[in-house]
Amino acid sequence: MEPTNQNFTFSTDQAIVATNSYLPKVYLWMAIGLVLTAFASFATLTVPAVQQLVFGSRMNFLILIIAEFGLVMALSAMINRISASAATAMFVIYALLNGITFAAIFAIYTSSSIVSTFVITAGTFGVMSLYGYATKRDLTGFGNFLMMGLFGIIIASVVNIFMHSPMITWIVTYLGVFIFVGLTAYDTQKLKRIGAMGFADSEHQKKATIMGALTLYLDFINLFLMLLRIFGNRR
């Protein structure tokens, strides 16, 4: 969910100005989220006390996972009822929690393959986001199709927890790359339209900025994790 926009009648020039004042802030907060995630992962992997706290108990790790899902769901559901400051705090906490739990994944792969996969992800994300911003084609129908595919790979991933099928893992991985590459373009176009509509006030714009940053952050992170399965070298 995004904060409610007011339906203003903007001229083309006004829409461009509104979009150009909104999207840079979205990308800035997305970048902040990625930096916080990387910092939390590095701290978890290098500080023994943090490692013991996180990985010393399965229950502790499970609580962190549940807290992550709870935070992102609460932020999406409550965005119109909470303040921009609260939304920002929830986004920051979510990014940090992600970094802590991702440390378990990053411990499996070599540092060089993590860095190279990040570069590949950043390049792919940048190209598709630019396409979503520049294209005149309406990506709504394509986005709806991708969302159905996303639900499909989530269900397949849950089922595979019990089946342990390598084939399903790789099918989900390659489909996931396709889905999140497409969602990057679709979400960028959607955010461009949100920015062009304008906002009732600065509070609404700040909340829309955080929700936009969360959307692109999730696209980037999930694309990165899918590509890491493909290109990552295990220790």
Protein backbone atom coordinates (compact mmCIF):
# COMPACT_ATOMS: atom_id res chain seq x y z
CA MET A 1 0.00 0.00 0.00
CA GLU A 2 1.08 3.56 -0.65
CA PRO A 3 -0.02 6.64 1.25
CA THR A 4 -3.14 8.11 -0.27
CA ASN A 5 -2.38 10.62 -3.01
CA GLN A 6 -4.55 13.57 -3.82
CA ASN A 7 -5.71 13.52 -7.44
CA PHE A 8 -4.41 16.82 -8.69
CA THR A 9 -4.76 18.00 -12.28
CA PHE A 10 -1.14 18.64 -13.19
CA SER A 11 0.26 20.02 -16.38
CA THR A 12 3.05 18.01 -17.99
CA ASP A 13 5.70 20.37 -16.60
CA GLN A 14 4.21 20.17 -13.10
CA ALA A 15 4.15 16.37 -13.28
CA ILE A 16 7.81 16.29 -14.28
CA VAL A 17 8.77 18.60 -11.40
CA ALA A 18 6.74 16.52 -8.93
CA THR A 19 8.32 13.28 -10.14
CA ASN A 20 11.85 14.71 -10.09
CA SER A 21 11.41 15.84 -6.49
CA TYR A 22 10.07 12.44 -5.39
CA LEU A 23 12.05 9.69 -7.14
CA PRO A 24 15.55 10.84 -6.10
CA LYS A 25 14.44 10.65 -2.47
CA VAL A 26 13.07 7.14 -3.08
CA TYR A 27 16.40 5.98 -4.50
CA LEU A 28 18.30 7.69 -1.69
CA TRP A 29 16.34 5.86 0.99
CA MET A 30 16.64 2.61 -0.92
CA ALA A 31 20.43 3.09 -0.97
CA ILE A 32 20.41 3.87 2.76
CA GLY A 33 18.52 0.64 3.34
CA LEU A 34 21.11 -1.35 1.37
CA VAL A 35 23.98 0.27 3.27
CA LEU A 36 22.33 -0.53 6.60
CA THR A 37 21.79 -4.14 5.51
CA ALA A 38 25.43 -4.50 4.46
CA PHE A 39 26.61 -2.93 7.74
CA ALA A 40 24.43 -5.25 9.84
CA SER A 41 25.66 -8.31 7.92
CA PHE A 42 29.30 -7.28 8.34
CA ALA A 43 28.84 -6.65 12.06
CA THR A 44 27.11 -10.00 12.53
CA LEU A 45 29.87 -11.88 10.72
CA THR A 46 32.75 -10.12 12.48
CA VAL A 47 31.56 -9.63 16.07
CA PRO A 48 31.55 -12.96 17.98
CA ALA A 49 29.06 -11.73 20.58
CA VAL A 50 26.54 -10.85 17.85
CA GLN A 51 27.10 -14.21 16.12
CA GLN A 52 26.44 -16.04 19.38
CA LEU A 53 23.28 -14.05 20.01
CA VAL A 54 21.91 -14.60 16.50
CA PHE A 55 23.09 -18.10 15.64
CA GLY A 56 23.57 -19.57 19.11
CA SER A 57 19.88 -20.41 19.32
CA ARG A 58 17.45 -21.48 16.60
CA MET A 59 14.71 -19.73 18.52
CA ASN A 60 16.57 -16.41 18.38
CA PHE A 61 17.02 -16.72 14.63
CA LEU A 62 13.37 -17.68 14.16
CA ILE A 63 12.27 -14.66 16.18
CA LEU A 64 14.34 -12.41 13.90
CA ILE A 65 12.73 -13.92 10.78
CA ILE A 66 9.24 -13.48 12.23
CA ALA A 67 10.08 -9.90 13.24
CA GLU A 68 11.17 -9.14 9.66
CA PHE A 69 7.93 -10.38 8.13
CA GLY A 70 5.90 -8.69 10.84
CA LEU A 71 7.62 -5.34 10.28
CA VAL A 72 7.17 -5.24 6.51
CA MET A 73 3.54 -6.34 6.77
CA ALA A 74 2.81 -3.81 9.52
CA LEU A 75 4.49 -1.02 7.58
CA SER A 76 2.43 -1.79 4.46
CA ALA A 77 -0.83 -2.10 6.38
CA MET A 78 -0.41 0.90 8.69
CA ILE A 79 1.31 3.41 6.41
CA ASN A 80 -1.74 5.68 6.19
CA ARG A 81 -2.19 5.71 9.99
CA ILE A 82 1.35 6.21 11.25
CA SER A 83 3.66 9.21 11.03
CA ALA A 84 6.43 9.55 8.48
CA SER A 85 8.98 9.31 11.30
CA ALA A 86 7.51 6.00 12.47
CA ALA A 87 7.50 4.65 8.91
CA THR A 88 11.15 5.66 8.50
CA ALA A 89 12.11 4.00 11.78
CA MET A 90 10.35 0.78 10.77
CA PHE A 91 12.14 0.77 7.41
CA VAL A 92 15.53 1.28 9.08
CA ILE A 93 14.89 -1.51 11.59
CA TYR A 94 13.74 -3.83 8.79
CA ALA A 95 16.90 -3.16 6.77
CA LEU A 96 19.07 -3.89 9.83
CA LEU A 97 17.20 -7.10 10.63
CA ASN A 98 17.60 -8.20 7.03
CA GLY A 99 21.33 -7.70 7.29
CA ILE A 100 21.53 -9.74 10.48
CA THR A 101 19.66 -12.70 9.02
CA PHE A 102 21.44 -12.47 5.65
CA ALA A 103 24.71 -13.03 7.50
CA ALA A 104 23.77 -16.72 7.61
CA ILE A 105 23.68 -16.71 3.79
CA PHE A 106 26.76 -14.58 3.27
CA ALA A 107 28.79 -16.89 5.52
CA ILE A 108 28.32 -19.62 2.89
CA TYR A 109 29.73 -17.68 -0.07
CA THR A 110 33.14 -16.15 -0.75
CA SER A 111 33.50 -12.39 -0.36
CA SER A 112 34.59 -11.96 -3.99
CA SER A 113 31.51 -13.72 -5.34
CA ILE A 114 29.24 -11.64 -3.08
CA VAL A 115 30.83 -8.43 -4.39
CA SER A 116 30.71 -9.51 -8.04
CA THR A 117 27.07 -10.60 -7.70
CA PHE A 118 26.23 -7.27 -6.10
CA VAL A 119 27.79 -5.46 -9.07
CA ILE A 120 25.80 -7.62 -11.52
CA THR A 121 22.63 -6.97 -9.53
CA ALA A 122 23.25 -3.22 -9.40
CA GLY A 123 23.82 -3.09 -13.16
CA THR A 124 20.73 -5.16 -13.95
CA PHE A 125 18.60 -3.20 -11.52
CA GLY A 126 19.82 0.11 -12.91
CA VAL A 127 19.09 -0.82 -16.52
CA MET A 128 15.59 -2.13 -15.75
CA SER A 129 14.74 0.80 -13.50
CA LEU A 130 15.82 3.20 -16.24
CA TYR A 131 13.67 1.28 -18.71
CA GLY A 132 10.67 1.45 -16.38
CA TYR A 133 11.16 5.21 -16.02
CA ALA A 134 11.68 5.95 -19.71
CA THR A 135 9.30 3.56 -21.49
CA LYS A 136 5.97 4.84 -22.76
CA ARG A 137 4.55 1.31 -22.68
CA ASP A 138 2.03 0.65 -19.91
CA LEU A 139 3.53 -2.13 -17.77
CA THR A 140 0.44 -2.63 -15.57
CA GLY A 141 -0.68 -5.87 -17.22
CA PHE A 142 2.88 -7.21 -17.20
CA GLY A 143 3.22 -6.27 -13.53
CA ASN A 144 0.04 -8.12 -12.59
CA PHE A 145 1.35 -11.21 -14.39
CA LEU A 146 4.65 -10.95 -12.50
CA MET A 147 2.85 -10.63 -9.17
CA MET A 148 1.02 -13.90 -9.86
CA GLY A 149 4.38 -15.46 -10.67
CA LEU A 150 5.79 -14.10 -7.41
CA PHE A 151 3.06 -15.77 -5.38
CA GLY A 152 3.76 -18.96 -7.32
CA ILE A 153 7.45 -19.08 -6.46
CA ILE A 154 6.68 -18.25 -2.81
CA ILE A 155 4.32 -21.23 -2.62
CA ALA A 156 6.85 -23.45 -4.42
CA SER A 157 9.60 -22.34 -2.02
CA VAL A 158 7.46 -23.18 1.02
CA VAL A 159 6.59 -26.61 -0.43
CA ASN A 160 10.26 -27.25 -1.19
CA ILE A 161 11.15 -26.76 2.47
CA PHE A 162 9.64 -30.20 2.98
CA MET A 163 10.53 -31.77 -0.42
CA HIS A 164 14.19 -30.66 -0.59
CA SER A 165 14.14 -30.87 -4.39
CA PRO A 166 17.19 -29.37 -6.15
CA MET A 167 15.17 -29.12 -9.36
CA ILE A 168 12.47 -26.99 -7.71
CA THR A 169 15.19 -24.83 -6.13
CA TRP A 170 16.73 -24.03 -9.52
CA ILE A 171 13.37 -23.50 -11.23
CA VAL A 172 12.39 -21.04 -8.48
CA THR A 173 15.78 -19.33 -8.76
CA TYR A 174 15.69 -18.71 -12.52
CA LEU A 175 12.01 -17.75 -12.47
CA GLY A 176 12.78 -15.45 -9.54
CA VAL A 177 15.45 -13.64 -11.56
CA PHE A 178 12.97 -13.07 -14.40
CA ILE A 179 10.23 -11.94 -12.01
CA PHE A 180 12.32 -9.46 -10.03
CA VAL A 181 13.97 -8.05 -13.15
CA GLY A 182 10.48 -7.37 -14.51
CA LEU A 183 9.14 -6.05 -11.21
CA THR A 184 12.00 -3.53 -11.07
CA ALA A 185 10.76 -1.93 -14.30
CA TYR A 186 7.10 -2.18 -13.30
CA ASP A 187 7.61 -0.73 -9.83
CA THR A 188 9.72 2.13 -11.18
CA GLN A 189 6.97 3.08 -13.61
CA LYS A 190 4.38 2.84 -10.82
CA LEU A 191 6.46 5.09 -8.55
CA LYS A 192 6.95 7.58 -11.38
CA ARG A 193 3.17 7.82 -11.72
CA ILE A 194 2.74 8.24 -7.97
CA GLY A 195 5.24 11.10 -7.99
CA ALA A 196 3.52 12.75 -10.96
CA MET A 197 0.18 12.77 -9.12
CA GLY A 198 1.59 14.98 -6.39
CA PHE A 199 0.97 14.83 -2.65
CA ALA A 200 -1.35 16.55 -0.23
CA ASP A 201 1.55 17.69 1.96
CA SER A 202 5.14 16.90 2.88
CA GLU A 203 4.06 14.24 5.41
CA HIS A 204 2.31 12.24 2.69
CA GLN A 205 5.30 12.63 0.41
CA LYS A 206 7.70 11.39 3.09
CA LYS A 207 5.58 8.29 3.73
CA ALA A 208 5.26 7.62 -0.01
CA THR A 209 9.04 7.97 -0.25
CA ILE A 210 9.61 5.29 2.39
CA MET A 211 7.10 2.93 0.79
CA GLY A 212 8.69 3.48 -2.61
CA ALA A 213 12.15 2.85 -1.16
CA LEU A 214 10.90 -0.35 0.49
CA THR A 215 9.43 -1.56 -2.81
CA LEU A 216 12.65 -1.04 -4.77
CA TYR A 217 14.76 -2.30 -1.87
CA LEU A 218 12.83 -5.58 -1.89
CA ASP A 219 13.20 -5.89 -5.67
CA PHE A 220 16.97 -5.34 -5.39
CA ILE A 221 17.51 -7.66 -2.43
CA ASN A 222 15.50 -10.52 -3.88
CA LEU A 223 17.17 -10.20 -7.28
CA PHE A 224 20.56 -10.20 -5.54
CA LEU A 225 19.74 -13.36 -3.57
CA MET A 226 18.52 -15.16 -6.70
CA LEU A 227 21.65 -14.21 -8.65
CA LEU A 228 23.86 -15.19 -5.70
CA ARG A 229 22.50 -18.73 -5.95
CA ILE A 230 23.57 -18.78 -9.59
CA PHE A 231 26.90 -16.94 -9.51
CA GLY A 232 27.99 -17.34 -5.90
CA ASN A 233 31.02 -19.50 -5.06
CA ARG A 234 30.74 -21.38 -1.81
CA ARG A 235 33.55 -21.24 0.72
